C-alpha atoms as a PDB file:
ATOM      1  CA  MET A   1       0.000   0.000   0.000  1.00  0.00           C
ATOM      2  CA  ASN A   2       1.429   3.398  -0.971  1.00  0.00           C
ATOM      3  CA  LEU A   3      -1.592   5.673  -0.399  1.00  0.00           C
ATOM      4  CA  ALA A   4      -1.805   6.035  -4.198  1.00  0.00           C
ATOM      5  CA  LEU A   5       1.210   8.360  -4.175  1.00  0.00           C
ATOM      6  CA  PRO A   6       3.104   8.974  -7.424  1.00  0.00           C
ATOM      7  CA  PRO A   7       6.547   7.374  -7.867  1.00  0.00           C
ATOM      8  CA  VAL A   8       9.512   8.999  -6.122  1.00  0.00           C
ATOM      9  CA  ALA A   9      12.258  10.500  -8.295  1.00  0.00           C
ATOM     10  CA  SER A  10      14.101  12.719  -5.793  1.00  0.00           C
ATOM     11  CA  ALA A  11      16.527  12.059  -2.954  1.00  0.00           C
ATOM     12  CA  HIS A  12      14.263  13.525  -0.265  1.00  0.00           C
ATOM     13  CA  GLY A  13      10.996  12.056  -1.566  1.00  0.00           C
ATOM     14  CA  TYR A  14      11.006   8.966   0.656  1.00  0.00           C
ATOM     15  CA  GLU A  15      11.253  11.115   3.791  1.00  0.00           C
ATOM     16  CA  ILE A  16       8.250  13.140   2.612  1.00  0.00           C
ATOM     17  CA  ASP A  17       6.320   9.900   2.086  1.00  0.00           C
ATOM     18  CA  GLN A  18       7.358   8.675   5.535  1.00  0.00           C
ATOM     19  CA  MET A  19       5.872  11.780   7.147  1.00  0.00           C
ATOM     20  CA  ILE A  20       2.694  11.395   5.090  1.00  0.00           C
ATOM     21  CA  TRP A  21       2.430   7.799   6.343  1.00  0.00           C
ATOM     22  CA  LEU A  22       2.947   8.827   9.966  1.00  0.00           C
ATOM     23  CA  VAL A  23       0.327  11.569   9.739  1.00  0.00           C
ATOM     24  CA  HIS A  24      -2.192   9.188   8.139  1.00  0.00           C
ATOM     25  CA  ILE A  25      -1.539   6.546  10.807  1.00  0.00           C
ATOM     26  CA  LEU A  26      -2.142   9.126  13.533  1.00  0.00           C
ATOM     27  CA  MET A  27      -5.330  10.317  11.836  1.00  0.00           C
ATOM     28  CA  PHE A  28      -6.555   6.710  11.445  1.00  0.00           C
ATOM     29  CA  VAL A  29      -5.903   5.959  15.121  1.00  0.00           C
ATOM     30  CA  LEU A  30      -7.752   9.146  16.098  1.00  0.00           C
ATOM     31  CA  PHE A  31     -10.646   8.293  13.770  1.00  0.00           C
ATOM     32  CA  VAL A  32     -11.029   4.785  15.198  1.00  0.00           C
ATOM     33  CA  GLY A  33     -10.498   5.914  18.789  1.00  0.00           C
ATOM     34  CA  TRP A  34     -12.986   8.754  18.751  1.00  0.00           C
ATOM     35  CA  GLY A  35     -15.436   6.596  16.805  1.00  0.00           C
ATOM     36  CA  ILE A  36     -15.318   3.954  19.538  1.00  0.00           C
ATOM     37  CA  PHE A  37     -15.686   6.663  22.177  1.00  0.00           C
ATOM     38  CA  PHE A  38     -18.733   8.053  20.357  1.00  0.00           C
ATOM     39  CA  ILE A  39     -20.392   4.611  20.218  1.00  0.00           C
ATOM     40  CA  ILE A  40     -19.680   3.980  23.922  1.00  0.00           C
ATOM     41  CA  ALA A  41     -21.195   7.376  24.769  1.00  0.00           C
ATOM     42  CA  LEU A  42     -24.326   6.602  22.738  1.00  0.00           C
ATOM     43  CA  VAL A  43     -24.796   3.231  24.437  1.00  0.00           C
ATOM     44  CA  ARG A  44     -23.917   4.277  27.967  1.00  0.00           C
ATOM     45  CA  PHE A  45     -25.651   7.623  28.141  1.00  0.00           C
ATOM     46  CA  ASN A  46     -28.733   7.146  26.016  1.00  0.00           C
ATOM     47  CA  ARG A  47     -32.158   8.108  27.393  1.00  0.00           C
ATOM     48  CA  ARG A  48     -33.386   4.565  28.028  1.00  0.00           C
ATOM     49  CA  VAL A  49     -30.381   3.654  30.170  1.00  0.00           C
ATOM     50  CA  ASN A  50     -30.394   7.011  31.948  1.00  0.00           C
ATOM     51  CA  PRO A  51     -33.991   8.287  32.105  1.00  0.00           C
ATOM     52  CA  GLN A  52     -32.920  10.937  34.576  1.00  0.00           C
ATOM     53  CA  ALA A  53     -29.995  13.264  34.072  1.00  0.00           C
ATOM     54  CA  ASN A  54     -26.895  12.542  36.152  1.00  0.00           C
ATOM     55  CA  TYR A  55     -25.301  15.852  36.990  1.00  0.00           C
ATOM     56  CA  ALA A  56     -22.262  14.240  38.639  1.00  0.00           C
ATOM     57  CA  GLY A  57     -20.879  13.177  35.267  1.00  0.00           C
ATOM     58  CA  VAL A  58     -18.034  10.772  34.535  1.00  0.00           C
ATOM     59  CA  LYS A  59     -15.535  10.427  37.370  1.00  0.00           C
ATOM     60  CA  ASN A  60     -12.521   8.971  35.493  1.00  0.00           C
ATOM     61  CA  HIS A  61      -9.948  10.867  33.433  1.00  0.00           C
ATOM     62  CA  PHE A  62      -9.843   8.604  30.375  1.00  0.00           C
ATOM     63  CA  SER A  63     -10.609  11.400  27.891  1.00  0.00           C
ATOM     64  CA  SER A  64      -7.901  13.582  29.407  1.00  0.00           C
ATOM     65  CA  VAL A  65      -5.363  10.767  29.028  1.00  0.00           C
ATOM     66  CA  VAL A  66      -6.346  10.344  25.379  1.00  0.00           C
ATOM     67  CA  GLU A  67      -5.997  14.073  24.725  1.00  0.00           C
ATOM     68  CA  VAL A  68      -2.526  14.118  26.322  1.00  0.00           C
ATOM     69  CA  ALA A  69      -1.510  11.096  24.206  1.00  0.00           C
ATOM     70  CA  VAL A  70      -2.629  12.884  21.026  1.00  0.00           C
ATOM     71  CA  VAL A  71      -0.650  15.993  21.986  1.00  0.00           C
ATOM     72  CA  ILE A  72       2.461  13.870  22.644  1.00  0.00           C
ATOM     73  CA  ALA A  73       2.094  12.123  19.262  1.00  0.00           C
ATOM     74  CA  GLU A  74       1.791  15.488  17.492  1.00  0.00           C
ATOM     75  CA  ILE A  75       4.863  16.817  19.327  1.00  0.00           C
ATOM     76  CA  ILE A  76       6.835  13.740  18.218  1.00  0.00           C
ATOM     77  CA  LEU A  77       5.734  14.286  14.605  1.00  0.00           C
ATOM     78  CA  LEU A  78       6.641  17.964  14.749  1.00  0.00           C
ATOM     79  CA  ILE A  79       9.894  17.927  16.723  1.00  0.00           C
ATOM     80  CA  GLY A  80      11.066  14.421  15.861  1.00  0.00           C
ATOM     81  CA  PHE A  81      10.357  14.449  12.130  1.00  0.00           C
ATOM     82  CA  SER A  82       9.021  17.660  10.573  1.00  0.00           C
ATOM     83  CA  ILE A  83      11.407  20.276  12.020  1.00  0.00           C
ATOM     84  CA  PRO A  84      14.607  18.201  11.476  1.00  0.00           C
ATOM     85  CA  PHE A  85      13.490  17.374   7.935  1.00  0.00           C
ATOM     86  CA  TRP A  86      12.755  21.047   7.185  1.00  0.00           C
ATOM     87  CA  ALA A  87      16.151  22.098   8.557  1.00  0.00           C
ATOM     88  CA  LYS A  88      17.994  19.442   6.529  1.00  0.00           C
ATOM     89  CA  LYS A  89      16.109  19.488   3.237  1.00  0.00           C
ATOM     90  CA  VAL A  90      14.635  22.994   2.992  1.00  0.00           C
ATOM     91  CA  ASN A  91      16.769  25.483   4.918  1.00  0.00           C
ATOM     92  CA  ALA A  92      20.142  23.747   4.351  1.00  0.00           C
ATOM     93  CA  PHE A  93      20.848  24.441   0.675  1.00  0.00           C
ATOM     94  CA  PRO A  94      23.520  22.402  -1.132  1.00  0.00           C
ATOM     95  CA  ASN A  95      26.863  23.816  -2.228  1.00  0.00           C
ATOM     96  CA  ARG A  96      26.029  26.042  -5.189  1.00  0.00           C
ATOM     97  CA  SER A  97      29.230  25.067  -7.015  1.00  0.00           C
ATOM     98  CA  ASP A  98      27.866  21.502  -7.290  1.00  0.00           C
ATOM     99  CA  ALA A  99      24.291  22.479  -8.163  1.00  0.00           C
ATOM    100  CA  ILE A 100      22.353  23.500 -11.248  1.00  0.00           C
ATOM    101  CA  GLU A 101      20.810  26.951 -10.725  1.00  0.00           C
ATOM    102  CA  ILE A 102      17.740  27.936 -12.728  1.00  0.00           C
ATOM    103  CA  ARG A 103      15.337  30.862 -12.554  1.00  0.00           C
ATOM    104  CA  VAL A 104      11.652  29.997 -12.840  1.00  0.00           C
ATOM    105  CA  VAL A 105       9.333  32.815 -13.894  1.00  0.00           C
ATOM    106  CA  ALA A 106       5.642  31.971 -13.623  1.00  0.00           C
ATOM    107  CA  GLU A 107       2.885  33.773 -15.512  1.00  0.00           C
ATOM    108  CA  GLN A 108      -0.692  33.205 -16.532  1.00  0.00           C
ATOM    109  CA  PHE A 109      -0.499  30.485 -17.806  1.00  0.00           C
ATOM    110  CA  ALA A 110       3.034  29.225 -18.457  1.00  0.00           C
ATOM    111  CA  TRP A 111       6.375  28.418 -16.846  1.00  0.00           C
ATOM    112  CA  ASN A 112       9.460  30.258 -18.117  1.00  0.00           C
ATOM    113  CA  PHE A 113      12.893  28.812 -17.300  1.00  0.00           C
ATOM    114  CA  HIS A 114      16.112  30.849 -17.389  1.00  0.00           C
ATOM    115  CA  TYR A 115      19.516  29.118 -17.482  1.00  0.00           C
ATOM    116  CA  PRO A 116      22.712  31.095 -16.772  1.00  0.00           C
ATOM    117  CA  GLY A 117      24.746  29.665 -19.667  1.00  0.00           C
ATOM    118  CA  LYS A 118      28.385  28.524 -19.708  1.00  0.00           C
ATOM    119  CA  ASP A 119      29.642  31.418 -17.582  1.00  0.00           C
ATOM    120  CA  GLY A 120      27.368  30.350 -14.736  1.00  0.00           C
ATOM    121  CA  LYS A 121      26.066  33.906 -14.309  1.00  0.00           C
ATOM    122  CA  PHE A 122      22.486  35.021 -14.803  1.00  0.00           C
ATOM    123  CA  GLY A 123      22.222  37.978 -17.115  1.00  0.00           C
ATOM    124  CA  ARG A 124      20.465  41.166 -16.083  1.00  0.00           C
ATOM    125  CA  THR A 125      16.702  41.274 -16.621  1.00  0.00           C
ATOM    126  CA  ASN A 126      14.335  44.187 -17.094  1.00  0.00           C
ATOM    127  CA  PRO A 127      10.519  43.911 -16.959  1.00  0.00           C
ATOM    128  CA  LYS A 128      10.273  46.522 -19.714  1.00  0.00           C
ATOM    129  CA  LEU A 129      12.043  44.138 -22.114  1.00  0.00           C
ATOM    130  CA  VAL A 130       9.591  41.272 -21.621  1.00  0.00           C
ATOM    131  CA  ASN A 131       8.159  39.906 -24.861  1.00  0.00           C
ATOM    132  CA  PRO A 132       5.961  36.783 -24.528  1.00  0.00           C
ATOM    133  CA  GLN A 133       7.275  35.338 -27.796  1.00  0.00           C
ATOM    134  CA  THR A 134      10.931  36.346 -28.049  1.00  0.00           C
ATOM    135  CA  ASN A 135      12.012  37.390 -24.553  1.00  0.00           C
ATOM    136  CA  PRO A 136       9.693  35.894 -21.900  1.00  0.00           C
ATOM    137  CA  VAL A 137      11.938  36.730 -18.925  1.00  0.00           C
ATOM    138  CA  GLY A 138      13.025  40.212 -20.091  1.00  0.00           C
ATOM    139  CA  LEU A 139      16.725  39.471 -20.634  1.00  0.00           C
ATOM    140  CA  ASP A 140      18.884  42.519 -21.299  1.00  0.00           C
ATOM    141  CA  VAL A 141      21.212  41.333 -24.080  1.00  0.00           C
ATOM    142  CA  SER A 142      23.395  44.413 -23.660  1.00  0.00           C
ATOM    143  CA  ASP A 143      24.661  42.740 -20.476  1.00  0.00           C
ATOM    144  CA  LEU A 144      27.642  40.505 -21.293  1.00  0.00           C
ATOM    145  CA  ALA A 145      26.511  37.926 -18.726  1.00  0.00           C
ATOM    146  CA  ALA A 146      23.177  37.568 -20.561  1.00  0.00           C
ATOM    147  CA  LYS A 147      24.537  36.728 -24.013  1.00  0.00           C
ATOM    148  CA  ASP A 148      25.032  33.016 -23.301  1.00  0.00           C
ATOM    149  CA  ASP A 149      21.836  32.644 -21.246  1.00  0.00           C
ATOM    150  CA  ILE A 150      19.139  30.213 -22.354  1.00  0.00           C
ATOM    151  CA  THR A 151      15.389  30.419 -21.856  1.00  0.00           C
ATOM    152  CA  THR A 152      12.714  27.786 -22.391  1.00  0.00           C
ATOM    153  CA  VAL A 153       8.936  27.777 -22.051  1.00  0.00           C
ATOM    154  CA  ASN A 154       7.216  24.980 -20.130  1.00  0.00           C
ATOM    155  CA  GLN A 155      10.289  22.762 -20.435  1.00  0.00           C
ATOM    156  CA  LEU A 156      12.660  22.241 -17.496  1.00  0.00           C
ATOM    157  CA  HIS A 157      15.807  20.202 -18.189  1.00  0.00           C
ATOM    158  CA  ILE A 158      18.219  19.080 -15.466  1.00  0.00           C
ATOM    159  CA  PRO A 159      20.861  16.349 -15.029  1.00  0.00           C
ATOM    160  CA  VAL A 160      20.337  13.361 -12.750  1.00  0.00           C
ATOM    161  CA  GLY A 161      22.196  13.131  -9.460  1.00  0.00           C
ATOM    162  CA  ARG A 162      22.966  16.860  -9.115  1.00  0.00           C
ATOM    163  CA  PRO A 163      21.055  19.254  -6.836  1.00  0.00           C
ATOM    164  CA  ALA A 164      18.801  21.688  -8.704  1.00  0.00           C
ATOM    165  CA  ILE A 165      18.298  25.081  -7.049  1.00  0.00           C
ATOM    166  CA  LEU A 166      15.299  26.981  -8.401  1.00  0.00           C
ATOM    167  CA  TYR A 167      14.665  30.705  -7.915  1.00  0.00           C
ATOM    168  CA  LEU A 168      10.907  31.169  -8.214  1.00  0.00           C
ATOM    169  CA  THR A 169       9.253  34.444  -9.206  1.00  0.00           C
ATOM    170  CA  THR A 170       5.984  35.447 -10.829  1.00  0.00           C
ATOM    171  CA  LYS A 171       4.979  38.151 -13.294  1.00  0.00           C
ATOM    172  CA  ASP A 172       1.416  38.450 -12.087  1.00  0.00           C
ATOM    173  CA  VAL A 173      -0.573  36.502  -9.483  1.00  0.00           C
ATOM    174  CA  ILE A 174       0.222  33.810  -6.911  1.00  0.00           C
ATOM    175  CA  HIS A 175       1.228  30.489  -8.456  1.00  0.00           C
ATOM    176  CA  CYS A 176       2.437  27.218  -6.924  1.00  0.00           C
ATOM    177  CA  PHE A 177       5.303  25.279  -8.502  1.00  0.00           C
ATOM    178  CA  TYR A 178       4.457  21.588  -8.180  1.00  0.00           C
ATOM    179  CA  ILE A 179       6.371  18.483  -9.318  1.00  0.00           C
ATOM    180  CA  PRO A 180       4.664  15.462  -7.705  1.00  0.00           C
ATOM    181  CA  VAL A 181       7.394  12.869  -8.438  1.00  0.00           C
ATOM    182  CA  MET A 182      10.036  15.172  -6.935  1.00  0.00           C
ATOM    183  CA  ARG A 183       7.851  15.912  -3.887  1.00  0.00           C
ATOM    184  CA  VAL A 184       8.321  19.621  -4.562  1.00  0.00           C
ATOM    185  CA  LYS A 185       5.526  22.124  -3.982  1.00  0.00           C
ATOM    186  CA  GLN A 186       6.277  25.805  -3.391  1.00  0.00           C
ATOM    187  CA  ASP A 187       4.029  28.871  -3.520  1.00  0.00           C
ATOM    188  CA  ILE A 188       5.327  31.782  -5.619  1.00  0.00           C
ATOM    189  CA  LEU A 189       4.344  35.241  -4.401  1.00  0.00           C
ATOM    190  CA  PRO A 190       4.376  38.471  -6.441  1.00  0.00           C
ATOM    191  CA  GLY A 191       7.349  40.686  -5.623  1.00  0.00           C
ATOM    192  CA  MET A 192       9.381  37.875  -4.049  1.00  0.00           C
ATOM    193  CA  SER A 193      12.122  35.496  -5.184  1.00  0.00           C
ATOM    194  CA  ILE A 194      11.617  32.198  -3.373  1.00  0.00           C
ATOM    195  CA  GLN A 195      14.166  29.395  -3.450  1.00  0.00           C
ATOM    196  CA  THR A 196      13.576  25.666  -3.443  1.00  0.00           C
ATOM    197  CA  TRP A 197      15.772  22.712  -4.321  1.00  0.00           C
ATOM    198  CA  PHE A 198      15.814  18.963  -4.890  1.00  0.00           C
ATOM    199  CA  THR A 199      18.131  16.257  -6.216  1.00  0.00           C
ATOM    200  CA  PRO A 200      16.671  14.041  -8.973  1.00  0.00           C
ATOM    201  CA  THR A 201      17.543  10.364  -8.710  1.00  0.00           C
ATOM    202  CA  GLN A 202      15.966   9.017 -11.908  1.00  0.00           C
ATOM    203  CA  THR A 203      16.030   9.975 -15.565  1.00  0.00           C
ATOM    204  CA  GLY A 204      12.721  10.478 -17.322  1.00  0.00           C
ATOM    205  CA  GLN A 205      10.056  13.057 -18.093  1.00  0.00           C
ATOM    206  CA  TRP A 206       7.241  14.132 -15.780  1.00  0.00           C
ATOM    207  CA  GLU A 207       4.628  16.867 -15.540  1.00  0.00           C
ATOM    208  CA  ILE A 208       4.962  20.211 -13.764  1.00  0.00           C
ATOM    209  CA  GLY A 209       1.732  21.688 -12.496  1.00  0.00           C
ATOM    210  CA  CYS A 210       0.433  24.813 -10.812  1.00  0.00           C
ATOM    211  CA  ALA A 211      -1.160  23.899  -7.474  1.00  0.00           C
ATOM    212  CA  GLN A 212      -2.676  27.346  -6.846  1.00  0.00           C
ATOM    213  CA  LEU A 213      -5.811  28.526  -8.641  1.00  0.00           C
ATOM    214  CA  CYS A 214      -4.432  31.378 -10.740  1.00  0.00           C
ATOM    215  CA  GLY A 215      -7.179  32.292 -13.190  1.00  0.00           C
ATOM    216  CA  LEU A 216      -9.492  30.921 -15.863  1.00  0.00           C
ATOM    217  CA  GLY A 217      -6.596  29.212 -17.678  1.00  0.00           C
ATOM    218  CA  HIS A 218      -5.232  27.539 -14.554  1.00  0.00           C
ATOM    219  CA  TYR A 219      -6.142  24.083 -15.909  1.00  0.00           C
ATOM    220  CA  ARG A 220      -3.699  24.438 -18.820  1.00  0.00           C
ATOM    221  CA  MET A 221      -0.759  25.836 -16.834  1.00  0.00           C
ATOM    222  CA  LYS A 222       1.503  22.831 -17.038  1.00  0.00           C
ATOM    223  CA  GLY A 223       5.005  22.058 -18.193  1.00  0.00           C
ATOM    224  CA  TYR A 224       7.398  19.148 -18.212  1.00  0.00           C
ATOM    225  CA  ILE A 225      10.589  18.306 -16.376  1.00  0.00           C
ATOM    226  CA  THR A 226      13.103  16.149 -18.225  1.00  0.00           C
ATOM    227  CA  VAL A 227      15.897  14.569 -16.201  1.00  0.00           C
ATOM    228  CA  HIS A 228      18.895  13.628 -18.366  1.00  0.00           C
ATOM    229  CA  THR A 229      22.146  11.839 -17.830  1.00  0.00           C
ATOM    230  CA  GLU A 230      24.997  14.339 -17.444  1.00  0.00           C
ATOM    231  CA  LYS A 231      26.120  13.836 -21.055  1.00  0.00           C
ATOM    232  CA  ASP A 232      22.612  14.148 -22.490  1.00  0.00           C
ATOM    233  CA  TYR A 233      22.087  17.311 -20.460  1.00  0.00           C
ATOM    234  CA  GLU A 234      25.280  18.870 -21.845  1.00  0.00           C
ATOM    235  CA  ASP A 235      24.226  17.859 -25.367  1.00  0.00           C
ATOM    236  CA  TRP A 236      20.814  19.454 -24.825  1.00  0.00           C
ATOM    237  CA  LEU A 237      22.386  22.702 -23.579  1.00  0.00           C
ATOM    238  CA  ALA A 238      24.695  22.828 -26.589  1.00  0.00           C
ATOM    239  CA  LYS A 239      21.723  22.678 -28.979  1.00  0.00           C
ATOM    240  CA  GLN A 240      19.774  25.529 -27.366  1.00  0.00           C
ATOM    241  CA  PRO A 241      19.890  29.053 -28.864  1.00  0.00           C
ATOM    242  CA  THR A 242      21.316  31.677 -26.519  1.00  0.00           C
ATOM    243  CA  ALA A 243      20.103  35.210 -25.897  1.00  0.00           C
ATOM    244  CA  GLY A 244      23.064  36.591 -27.862  1.00  0.00           C
ATOM    245  CA  SER A 245      22.689  34.251 -30.845  1.00  0.00           C
ATOM    246  CA  SER A 246      21.142  35.323 -34.121  1.00  0.00           C
ATOM    247  CA  SER A 247      18.142  33.067 -33.465  1.00  0.00           C
ATOM    248  CA  GLY A 248      17.281  35.155 -30.408  1.00  0.00           C
ATOM    249  CA  SER A 249      15.983  34.142 -27.011  1.00  0.00           C
ATOM    250  CA  GLY A 250      13.644  31.270 -26.300  1.00  0.00           C
ATOM    251  CA  GLY A 251      14.685  27.669 -26.757  1.00  0.00           C
ATOM    252  CA  ASP A 252      12.856  24.421 -26.168  1.00  0.00           C
ATOM    253  CA  SER A 253       9.129  25.016 -25.844  1.00  0.00           C
ATOM    254  CA  PHE A 254       5.961  23.114 -24.957  1.00  0.00           C
ATOM    255  CA  TRP A 255       4.580  24.073 -28.362  1.00  0.00           C
ATOM    256  CA  ASN A 256       7.658  23.046 -30.409  1.00  0.00           C
END
């Protein structure tokens, strides 16, 4: 039994699933326990058994013990699992020299991905330069660091086995970057750059969705993540047009 969860393709995914299991087990125990308590209360305190009200009430402290047990279980889940996991897998970012860094710019209703190119530096961007067809992230090609940058629409490509650090921003409303197989889900707020990261462990192609209702076209806001071997990833990068090339900005696309 796997609670109908999608396959895991990231290094931290199994720990996420473990916490989901623990939470569901706790909820199941609570459901069964309080259900039994409800049935006992119906049988023991119904009108036929107790035709006259008993104002003394129950003398034991069983319900208090149960409540304390639930609180202890929740503390264990929070302090023993959730907080350490958050500190290790969310707050503690990997060494950036070993990672792939990509900017993700959300908009109604597409995902734009910005790669820094061979120099490893993101070129300067300017909202005034944004063109949905030729320059979706507003790259300023007069900046030397921008000339080898690569942009794609709805297509995220990364190599297997290397951490991917994503810098999430949005052009318009709140979106939520969601890759189920990577166990990654992060809200993107206007005016903020929010970081998230994961390490893919399998090659393949999977869907990227928006998990926040963002408008009438929300249903079609999806992209794809392709995880390559290191060599295939380098080959893919080499084939993509750069911002400074004659073919202009905008490489691999959902519509190509």
